[in-house]
Amino acid sequence: MYPTKEDKEKLFKKHGKSEKDTGSAEGQIALFTTRIEHLSAHLKKNIHDYNTERSLVKLVGKRRSLLDYLMKKDINRYRAIVKELGLRK
C-alpha cells in the first residue's frame, strides 16, 4: 500500500532530523525507496503497465542522483543510509 501521511512522518522521523524534515537527502531517499518498493510490487502483478514502469525508472534515477550527491558531500551519511535501507551498492 502507498504510504499514508502518518507513514511518511514516521519515515522522516526515523531517517531525517525530525518528522517535519522532508528536505534532507536521507529522508527523500527513504521515501523514494518506499515508493519504488510499492511500484515494483505493482509491476509484478501488472506486467504491461508501461506508465508505471516509466515512473519507476524515473524514481530510481532520482534516488541514484541523491545517493551520488550524498556520497560526494558526506561518505559516512551515504554508507549509513545504504546500510539502513539495505540498498545494493
PDB file of N, CA and C in Angstrom:
ATOM      1  N   MET A   1       0.831  -1.175   0.000  1.00  0.00           N
ATOM      2  CA  MET A   1       0.000   0.000   0.000  1.00  0.00           C
ATOM      3  C   MET A   1       0.880   1.244   0.000  1.00  0.00           C
ATOM      4  N   TYR A   2       0.408   2.284  -0.645  1.00  0.00           N
ATOM      5  CA  TYR A   2       1.149   3.537  -0.735  1.00  0.00           C
ATOM      6  C   TYR A   2       1.227   4.187   0.643  1.00  0.00           C
ATOM      7  N   PRO A   3       2.342   4.812   0.993  1.00  0.00           N
ATOM      8  CA  PRO A   3       2.498   5.364   2.349  1.00  0.00           C
ATOM      9  C   PRO A   3       1.505   6.499   2.631  1.00  0.00           C
ATOM     10  N   THR A   4       0.886   6.446   3.807  1.00  0.00           N
ATOM     11  CA  THR A   4      -0.025   7.499   4.239  1.00  0.00           C
ATOM     12  C   THR A   4       0.775   8.626   4.884  1.00  0.00           C
ATOM     13  N   LYS A   5       0.069   9.656   5.293  1.00  0.00           N
ATOM     14  CA  LYS A   5       0.724  10.803   5.924  1.00  0.00           C
ATOM     15  C   LYS A   5       1.458  10.372   7.198  1.00  0.00           C
ATOM     16  N   GLU A   6       0.818   9.507   7.984  1.00  0.00           N
ATOM     17  CA  GLU A   6       1.426   9.026   9.225  1.00  0.00           C
ATOM     18  C   GLU A   6       2.677   8.192   8.931  1.00  0.00           C
ATOM     19  N   ASP A   7       2.605   7.358   7.871  1.00  0.00           N
ATOM     20  CA  ASP A   7       3.756   6.548   7.475  1.00  0.00           C
ATOM     21  C   ASP A   7       4.927   7.431   7.063  1.00  0.00           C
ATOM     22  N   LYS A   8       4.612   8.494   6.339  1.00  0.00           N
ATOM     23  CA  LYS A   8       5.663   9.406   5.901  1.00  0.00           C
ATOM     24  C   LYS A   8       6.308  10.116   7.087  1.00  0.00           C
ATOM     25  N   GLU A   9       5.481  10.524   8.068  1.00  0.00           N
ATOM     26  CA  GLU A   9       6.024  11.193   9.246  1.00  0.00           C
ATOM     27  C   GLU A   9       6.966  10.260  10.015  1.00  0.00           C
ATOM     28  N   LYS A  10       6.567   8.990  10.147  1.00  0.00           N
ATOM     29  CA  LYS A  10       7.430   8.010  10.814  1.00  0.00           C
ATOM     30  C   LYS A  10       8.733   7.824  10.044  1.00  0.00           C
ATOM     31  N   LEU A  11       8.604   7.770   8.711  1.00  0.00           N
ATOM     32  CA  LEU A  11       9.768   7.586   7.854  1.00  0.00           C
ATOM     33  C   LEU A  11      10.737   8.750   7.995  1.00  0.00           C
ATOM     34  N   PHE A  12      10.206   9.977   7.961  1.00  0.00           N
ATOM     35  CA  PHE A  12      11.064  11.149   8.081  1.00  0.00           C
ATOM     36  C   PHE A  12      11.637  11.275   9.489  1.00  0.00           C
ATOM     37  N   LYS A  13      10.880  10.852  10.496  1.00  0.00           N
ATOM     38  CA  LYS A  13      11.385  10.903  11.869  1.00  0.00           C
ATOM     39  C   LYS A  13      12.535   9.922  12.039  1.00  0.00           C
ATOM     40  N   LYS A  14      12.426   8.756  11.406  1.00  0.00           N
ATOM     41  CA  LYS A  14      13.466   7.732  11.522  1.00  0.00           C
ATOM     42  C   LYS A  14      14.718   8.097  10.729  1.00  0.00           C
ATOM     43  N   HIS A  15      14.542   8.608   9.521  1.00  0.00           N
ATOM     44  CA  HIS A  15      15.692   8.844   8.635  1.00  0.00           C
ATOM     45  C   HIS A  15      16.109  10.313   8.551  1.00  0.00           C
ATOM     46  N   GLY A  16      15.222  11.235   8.900  1.00  0.00           N
ATOM     47  CA  GLY A  16      15.562  12.645   8.862  1.00  0.00           C
ATOM     48  C   GLY A  16      15.910  13.150  10.240  1.00  0.00           C
ATOM     49  N   LYS A  17      15.936  14.462  10.388  1.00  0.00           N
ATOM     50  CA  LYS A  17      16.241  15.057  11.681  1.00  0.00           C
ATOM     51  C   LYS A  17      14.997  15.132  12.560  1.00  0.00           C
ATOM     52  N   SER A  18      13.824  15.286  11.928  1.00  0.00           N
ATOM     53  CA  SER A  18      12.550  15.310  12.644  1.00  0.00           C
ATOM     54  C   SER A  18      11.468  14.839  11.682  1.00  0.00           C
ATOM     55  N   GLU A  19      10.232  14.721  12.190  1.00  0.00           N
ATOM     56  CA  GLU A  19       9.158  14.250  11.313  1.00  0.00           C
ATOM     57  C   GLU A  19       8.740  15.303  10.298  1.00  0.00           C
ATOM     58  N   LYS A  20       9.107  16.559  10.527  1.00  0.00           N
ATOM     59  CA  LYS A  20       8.794  17.632   9.580  1.00  0.00           C
ATOM     60  C   LYS A  20       9.948  17.897   8.614  1.00  0.00           C
ATOM     61  N   ASP A  21      11.067  17.228   8.800  1.00  0.00           N
ATOM     62  CA  ASP A  21      12.253  17.432   7.960  1.00  0.00           C
ATOM     63  C   ASP A  21      12.127  16.597   6.689  1.00  0.00           C
ATOM     64  N   THR A  22      11.414  17.148   5.715  1.00  0.00           N
ATOM     65  CA  THR A  22      11.186  16.414   4.473  1.00  0.00           C
ATOM     66  C   THR A  22      12.242  16.713   3.412  1.00  0.00           C
ATOM     67  N   GLY A  23      13.132  17.639   3.690  1.00  0.00           N
ATOM     68  CA  GLY A  23      14.087  18.057   2.677  1.00  0.00           C
ATOM     69  C   GLY A  23      15.441  17.404   2.751  1.00  0.00           C
ATOM     70  N   SER A  24      15.720  16.667   3.829  1.00  0.00           N
ATOM     71  CA  SER A  24      17.040  16.063   3.944  1.00  0.00           C
ATOM     72  C   SER A  24      17.197  14.958   2.902  1.00  0.00           C
ATOM     73  N   ALA A  25      18.405  14.751   2.476  1.00  0.00           N
ATOM     74  CA  ALA A  25      18.672  13.735   1.452  1.00  0.00           C
ATOM     75  C   ALA A  25      18.291  12.350   1.955  1.00  0.00           C
ATOM     76  N   GLU A  26      18.578  12.065   3.222  1.00  0.00           N
ATOM     77  CA  GLU A  26      18.256  10.747   3.777  1.00  0.00           C
ATOM     78  C   GLU A  26      16.754  10.496   3.792  1.00  0.00           C
ATOM     79  N   GLY A  27      15.980  11.510   4.172  1.00  0.00           N
ATOM     80  CA  GLY A  27      14.527  11.380   4.194  1.00  0.00           C
ATOM     81  C   GLY A  27      13.951  11.156   2.819  1.00  0.00           C
ATOM     82  N   GLN A  28      14.457  11.904   1.838  1.00  0.00           N
ATOM     83  CA  GLN A  28      13.974  11.750   0.473  1.00  0.00           C
ATOM     84  C   GLN A  28      14.348  10.389  -0.094  1.00  0.00           C
ATOM     85  N   ILE A  29      15.555   9.933   0.183  1.00  0.00           N
ATOM     86  CA  ILE A  29      15.987   8.615  -0.303  1.00  0.00           C
ATOM     87  C   ILE A  29      15.113   7.527   0.303  1.00  0.00           C
ATOM     88  N   ALA A  30      14.800   7.657   1.584  1.00  0.00           N
ATOM     89  CA  ALA A  30      13.944   6.661   2.244  1.00  0.00           C
ATOM     90  C   ALA A  30      12.540   6.671   1.643  1.00  0.00           C
ATOM     91  N   LEU A  31      11.995   7.860   1.368  1.00  0.00           N
ATOM     92  CA  LEU A  31      10.666   7.955   0.761  1.00  0.00           C
ATOM     93  C   LEU A  31      10.674   7.367  -0.648  1.00  0.00           C
ATOM     94  N   PHE A  32      11.696   7.699  -1.429  1.00  0.00           N
ATOM     95  CA  PHE A  32      11.798   7.139  -2.782  1.00  0.00           C
ATOM     96  C   PHE A  32      11.901   5.619  -2.733  1.00  0.00           C
ATOM     97  N   THR A  33      12.635   5.089  -1.761  1.00  0.00           N
ATOM     98  CA  THR A  33      12.783   3.644  -1.638  1.00  0.00           C
ATOM     99  C   THR A  33      11.437   2.992  -1.350  1.00  0.00           C
ATOM    100  N   THR A  34      10.643   3.602  -0.473  1.00  0.00           N
ATOM    101  CA  THR A  34       9.313   3.081  -0.171  1.00  0.00           C
ATOM    102  C   THR A  34       8.433   3.086  -1.414  1.00  0.00           C
ATOM    103  N   ARG A  35       8.470   4.191  -2.157  1.00  0.00           N
ATOM    104  CA  ARG A  35       7.662   4.295  -3.378  1.00  0.00           C
ATOM    105  C   ARG A  35       8.135   3.300  -4.435  1.00  0.00           C
ATOM    106  N   ILE A  36       9.442   3.099  -4.540  1.00  0.00           N
ATOM    107  CA  ILE A  36       9.996   2.147  -5.509  1.00  0.00           C
ATOM    108  C   ILE A  36       9.538   0.734  -5.179  1.00  0.00           C
ATOM    109  N   GLU A  37       9.562   0.374  -3.898  1.00  0.00           N
ATOM    110  CA  GLU A  37       9.099  -0.952  -3.498  1.00  0.00           C
ATOM    111  C   GLU A  37       7.627  -1.139  -3.826  1.00  0.00           C
ATOM    112  N   HIS A  38       6.825  -0.091  -3.608  1.00  0.00           N
ATOM    113  CA  HIS A  38       5.392  -0.158  -3.918  1.00  0.00           C
ATOM    114  C   HIS A  38       5.164  -0.348  -5.420  1.00  0.00           C
ATOM    115  N   LEU A  39       5.864   0.437  -6.229  1.00  0.00           N
ATOM    116  CA  LEU A  39       5.690   0.336  -7.688  1.00  0.00           C
ATOM    117  C   LEU A  39       6.210  -0.993  -8.226  1.00  0.00           C
ATOM    118  N   SER A  40       7.275  -1.510  -7.632  1.00  0.00           N
ATOM    119  CA  SER A  40       7.816  -2.807  -8.073  1.00  0.00           C
ATOM    120  C   SER A  40       6.808  -3.922  -7.817  1.00  0.00           C
ATOM    121  N   ALA A  41       6.168  -3.874  -6.662  1.00  0.00           N
ATOM    122  CA  ALA A  41       5.149  -4.884  -6.353  1.00  0.00           C
ATOM    123  C   ALA A  41       3.974  -4.773  -7.319  1.00  0.00           C
ATOM    124  N   HIS A  42       3.594  -3.547  -7.661  1.00  0.00           N
ATOM    125  CA  HIS A  42       2.505  -3.338  -8.612  1.00  0.00           C
ATOM    126  C   HIS A  42       2.868  -3.893  -9.990  1.00  0.00           C
ATOM    127  N   LEU A  43       4.099  -3.665 -10.409  1.00  0.00           N
ATOM    128  CA  LEU A  43       4.518  -4.120 -11.740  1.00  0.00           C
ATOM    129  C   LEU A  43       4.633  -5.636 -11.828  1.00  0.00           C
ATOM    130  N   LYS A  44       4.875  -6.301 -10.711  1.00  0.00           N
ATOM    131  CA  LYS A  44       4.928  -7.764 -10.744  1.00  0.00           C
ATOM    132  C   LYS A  44       3.561  -8.340 -11.078  1.00  0.00           C
ATOM    133  N   LYS A  45       2.501  -7.639 -10.655  1.00  0.00           N
ATOM    134  CA  LYS A  45       1.143  -8.097 -10.941  1.00  0.00           C
ATOM    135  C   LYS A  45       0.657  -7.617 -12.308  1.00  0.00           C
ATOM    136  N   ASN A  46       1.069  -6.411 -12.695  1.00  0.00           N
ATOM    137  CA  ASN A  46       0.595  -5.769 -13.928  1.00  0.00           C
ATOM    138  C   ASN A  46       1.778  -5.535 -14.858  1.00  0.00           C
ATOM    139  N   ILE A  47       2.156  -6.560 -15.567  1.00  0.00           N
ATOM    140  CA  ILE A  47       3.368  -6.534 -16.370  1.00  0.00           C
ATOM    141  C   ILE A  47       3.321  -5.484 -17.483  1.00  0.00           C
ATOM    142  N   HIS A  48       2.155  -5.262 -18.072  1.00  0.00           N
ATOM    143  CA  HIS A  48       2.057  -4.368 -19.230  1.00  0.00           C
ATOM    144  C   HIS A  48       1.692  -2.938 -18.864  1.00  0.00           C
ATOM    145  N   ASP A  49       1.861  -2.541 -17.623  1.00  0.00           N
ATOM    146  CA  ASP A  49       1.587  -1.172 -17.187  1.00  0.00           C
ATOM    147  C   ASP A  49       2.838  -0.324 -17.438  1.00  0.00           C
ATOM    148  N   TYR A  50       2.933   0.211 -18.642  1.00  0.00           N
ATOM    149  CA  TYR A  50       4.156   0.896 -19.060  1.00  0.00           C
ATOM    150  C   TYR A  50       4.304   2.275 -18.424  1.00  0.00           C
ATOM    151  N   ASN A  51       3.186   2.928 -18.087  1.00  0.00           N
ATOM    152  CA  ASN A  51       3.285   4.223 -17.414  1.00  0.00           C
ATOM    153  C   ASN A  51       3.908   4.065 -16.030  1.00  0.00           C
ATOM    154  N   THR A  52       3.515   3.042 -15.323  1.00  0.00           N
ATOM    155  CA  THR A  52       4.094   2.783 -14.009  1.00  0.00           C
ATOM    156  C   THR A  52       5.562   2.400 -14.143  1.00  0.00           C
ATOM    157  N   GLU A  53       5.875   1.657 -15.178  1.00  0.00           N
ATOM    158  CA  GLU A  53       7.268   1.269 -15.409  1.00  0.00           C
ATOM    159  C   GLU A  53       8.140   2.498 -15.631  1.00  0.00           C
ATOM    160  N   ARG A  54       7.629   3.455 -16.390  1.00  0.00           N
ATOM    161  CA  ARG A  54       8.364   4.687 -16.641  1.00  0.00           C
ATOM    162  C   ARG A  54       8.545   5.484 -15.351  1.00  0.00           C
ATOM    163  N   SER A  55       7.489   5.544 -14.545  1.00  0.00           N
ATOM    164  CA  SER A  55       7.572   6.245 -13.255  1.00  0.00           C
ATOM    165  C   SER A  55       8.605   5.593 -12.349  1.00  0.00           C
ATOM    166  N   LEU A  56       8.652   4.281 -12.369  1.00  0.00           N
ATOM    167  CA  LEU A  56       9.609   3.551 -11.554  1.00  0.00           C
ATOM    168  C   LEU A  56      11.038   3.875 -11.974  1.00  0.00           C
ATOM    169  N   VAL A  57      11.284   3.897 -13.264  1.00  0.00           N
ATOM    170  CA  VAL A  57      12.624   4.193 -13.769  1.00  0.00           C
ATOM    171  C   VAL A  57      13.037   5.617 -13.386  1.00  0.00           C
ATOM    172  N   LYS A  58      12.095   6.562 -13.467  1.00  0.00           N
ATOM    173  CA  LYS A  58      12.401   7.939 -13.091  1.00  0.00           C
ATOM    174  C   LYS A  58      12.716   8.055 -11.600  1.00  0.00           C
ATOM    175  N   LEU A  59      11.955   7.337 -10.770  1.00  0.00           N
ATOM    176  CA  LEU A  59      12.211   7.367  -9.327  1.00  0.00           C
ATOM    177  C   LEU A  59      13.563   6.768  -8.985  1.00  0.00           C
ATOM    178  N   VAL A  60      13.911   5.687  -9.638  1.00  0.00           N
ATOM    179  CA  VAL A  60      15.214   5.063  -9.394  1.00  0.00           C
ATOM    180  C   VAL A  60      16.330   6.039  -9.776  1.00  0.00           C
ATOM    181  N   GLY A  61      16.143   6.771 -10.863  1.00  0.00           N
ATOM    182  CA  GLY A  61      17.125   7.772 -11.280  1.00  0.00           C
ATOM    183  C   GLY A  61      17.259   8.906 -10.280  1.00  0.00           C
ATOM    184  N   LYS A  62      16.123   9.362  -9.744  1.00  0.00           N
ATOM    185  CA  LYS A  62      16.159  10.423  -8.735  1.00  0.00           C
ATOM    186  C   LYS A  62      16.875   9.951  -7.476  1.00  0.00           C
ATOM    187  N   ARG A  63      16.562   8.730  -7.059  1.00  0.00           N
ATOM    188  CA  ARG A  63      17.216   8.194  -5.865  1.00  0.00           C
ATOM    189  C   ARG A  63      18.712   8.050  -6.097  1.00  0.00           C
ATOM    190  N   ARG A  64      19.089   7.587  -7.284  1.00  0.00           N
ATOM    191  CA  ARG A  64      20.507   7.431  -7.614  1.00  0.00           C
ATOM    192  C   ARG A  64      21.218   8.785  -7.572  1.00  0.00           C
ATOM    193  N   SER A  65      20.571   9.833  -8.088  1.00  0.00           N
ATOM    194  CA  SER A  65      21.156  11.175  -8.068  1.00  0.00           C
ATOM    195  C   SER A  65      21.373  11.660  -6.637  1.00  0.00           C
ATOM    196  N   LEU A  66      20.372  11.430  -5.782  1.00  0.00           N
ATOM    197  CA  LEU A  66      20.516  11.836  -4.383  1.00  0.00           C
ATOM    198  C   LEU A  66      21.619  11.042  -3.687  1.00  0.00           C
ATOM    199  N   LEU A  67      21.707   9.758  -3.987  1.00  0.00           N
ATOM    200  CA  LEU A  67      22.775   8.946  -3.396  1.00  0.00           C
ATOM    201  C   LEU A  67      24.147   9.413  -3.862  1.00  0.00           C
ATOM    202  N   ASP A  68      24.267   9.768  -5.141  1.00  0.00           N
ATOM    203  CA  ASP A  68      25.532  10.290  -5.658  1.00  0.00           C
ATOM    204  C   ASP A  68      25.907  11.601  -4.977  1.00  0.00           C
ATOM    205  N   TYR A  69      24.911  12.472  -4.797  1.00  0.00           N
ATOM    206  CA  TYR A  69      25.134  13.743  -4.116  1.00  0.00           C
ATOM    207  C   TYR A  69      25.623  13.504  -2.694  1.00  0.00           C
ATOM    208  N   LEU A  70      24.943  12.598  -1.993  1.00  0.00           N
ATOM    209  CA  LEU A  70      25.297  12.310  -0.603  1.00  0.00           C
ATOM    210  C   LEU A  70      26.687  11.692  -0.506  1.00  0.00           C
ATOM    211  N   MET A  71      27.052  10.870  -1.496  1.00  0.00           N
ATOM    212  CA  MET A  71      28.374  10.251  -1.494  1.00  0.00           C
ATOM    213  C   MET A  71      29.464  11.319  -1.650  1.00  0.00           C
ATOM    214  N   LYS A  72      29.201  12.329  -2.484  1.00  0.00           N
ATOM    215  CA  LYS A  72      30.183  13.398  -2.677  1.00  0.00           C
ATOM    216  C   LYS A  72      30.283  14.296  -1.448  1.00  0.00           C
ATOM    217  N   LYS A  73      29.135  14.589  -0.813  1.00  0.00           N
ATOM    218  CA  LYS A  73      29.117  15.516   0.311  1.00  0.00           C
ATOM    219  C   LYS A  73      29.637  14.891   1.601  1.00  0.00           C
ATOM    220  N   ASP A  74      29.126  13.690   1.947  1.00  0.00           N
ATOM    221  CA  ASP A  74      29.485  13.079   3.223  1.00  0.00           C
ATOM    222  C   ASP A  74      29.378  11.560   3.080  1.00  0.00           C
ATOM    223  N   ILE A  75      30.517  10.905   2.924  1.00  0.00           N
ATOM    224  CA  ILE A  75      30.546   9.468   2.660  1.00  0.00           C
ATOM    225  C   ILE A  75      29.989   8.662   3.830  1.00  0.00           C
ATOM    226  N   ASN A  76      30.131   9.164   5.055  1.00  0.00           N
ATOM    227  CA  ASN A  76      29.618   8.430   6.216  1.00  0.00           C
ATOM    228  C   ASN A  76      28.092   8.400   6.235  1.00  0.00           C
ATOM    229  N   ARG A  77      27.459   9.523   5.906  1.00  0.00           N
ATOM    230  CA  ARG A  77      25.998   9.553   5.820  1.00  0.00           C
ATOM    231  C   ARG A  77      25.510   8.640   4.700  1.00  0.00           C
ATOM    232  N   TYR A  78      26.241   8.621   3.587  1.00  0.00           N
ATOM    233  CA  TYR A  78      25.903   7.751   2.455  1.00  0.00           C
ATOM    234  C   TYR A  78      25.946   6.289   2.874  1.00  0.00           C
ATOM    235  N   ARG A  79      27.029   5.896   3.516  1.00  0.00           N
ATOM    236  CA  ARG A  79      27.170   4.498   3.946  1.00  0.00           C
ATOM    237  C   ARG A  79      26.096   4.115   4.950  1.00  0.00           C
ATOM    238  N   ALA A  80      25.750   5.043   5.839  1.00  0.00           N
ATOM    239  CA  ALA A  80      24.735   4.761   6.856  1.00  0.00           C
ATOM    240  C   ALA A  80      23.366   4.535   6.225  1.00  0.00           C
ATOM    241  N   ILE A  81      22.979   5.385   5.271  1.00  0.00           N
ATOM    242  CA  ILE A  81      21.645   5.254   4.661  1.00  0.00           C
ATOM    243  C   ILE A  81      21.572   4.017   3.776  1.00  0.00           C
ATOM    244  N   VAL A  82      22.648   3.687   3.078  1.00  0.00           N
ATOM    245  CA  VAL A  82      22.651   2.493   2.234  1.00  0.00           C
ATOM    246  C   VAL A  82      22.519   1.244   3.098  1.00  0.00           C
ATOM    247  N   LYS A  83      23.237   1.224   4.217  1.00  0.00           N
ATOM    248  CA  LYS A  83      23.170   0.069   5.119  1.00  0.00           C
ATOM    249  C   LYS A  83      21.795  -0.017   5.780  1.00  0.00           C
ATOM    250  N   GLU A  84      21.264   1.111   6.200  1.00  0.00           N
ATOM    251  CA  GLU A  84      19.978   1.146   6.903  1.00  0.00           C
ATOM    252  C   GLU A  84      18.828   0.694   6.003  1.00  0.00           C
ATOM    253  N   LEU A  85      18.851   1.122   4.741  1.00  0.00           N
ATOM    254  CA  LEU A  85      17.759   0.774   3.827  1.00  0.00           C
ATOM    255  C   LEU A  85      18.012  -0.553   3.093  1.00  0.00           C
ATOM    256  N   GLY A  86      19.215  -1.078   3.213  1.00  0.00           N
ATOM    257  CA  GLY A  86      19.520  -2.347   2.571  1.00  0.00           C
ATOM    258  C   GLY A  86      19.628  -2.236   1.054  1.00  0.00           C
ATOM    259  N   LEU A  87      20.193  -1.145   0.583  1.00  0.00           N
ATOM    260  CA  LEU A  87      20.346  -0.933  -0.862  1.00  0.00           C
ATOM    261  C   LEU A  87      21.609  -1.617  -1.346  1.00  0.00           C
ATOM    262  N   ARG A  88      21.588  -2.059  -2.578  1.00  0.00           N
ATOM    263  CA  ARG A  88      22.799  -2.616  -3.172  1.00  0.00           C
ATOM    264  C   ARG A  88      23.694  -1.462  -3.584  1.00  0.00           C
ATOM    265  N   LYS A  89      24.935  -1.527  -3.358  1.00  0.00           N
ATOM    266  CA  LYS A  89      25.946  -0.541  -3.733  1.00  0.00           C
ATOM    267  C   LYS A  89      26.322   0.379  -2.677  1.00  0.00           C
TER     268      LYS A  89
END
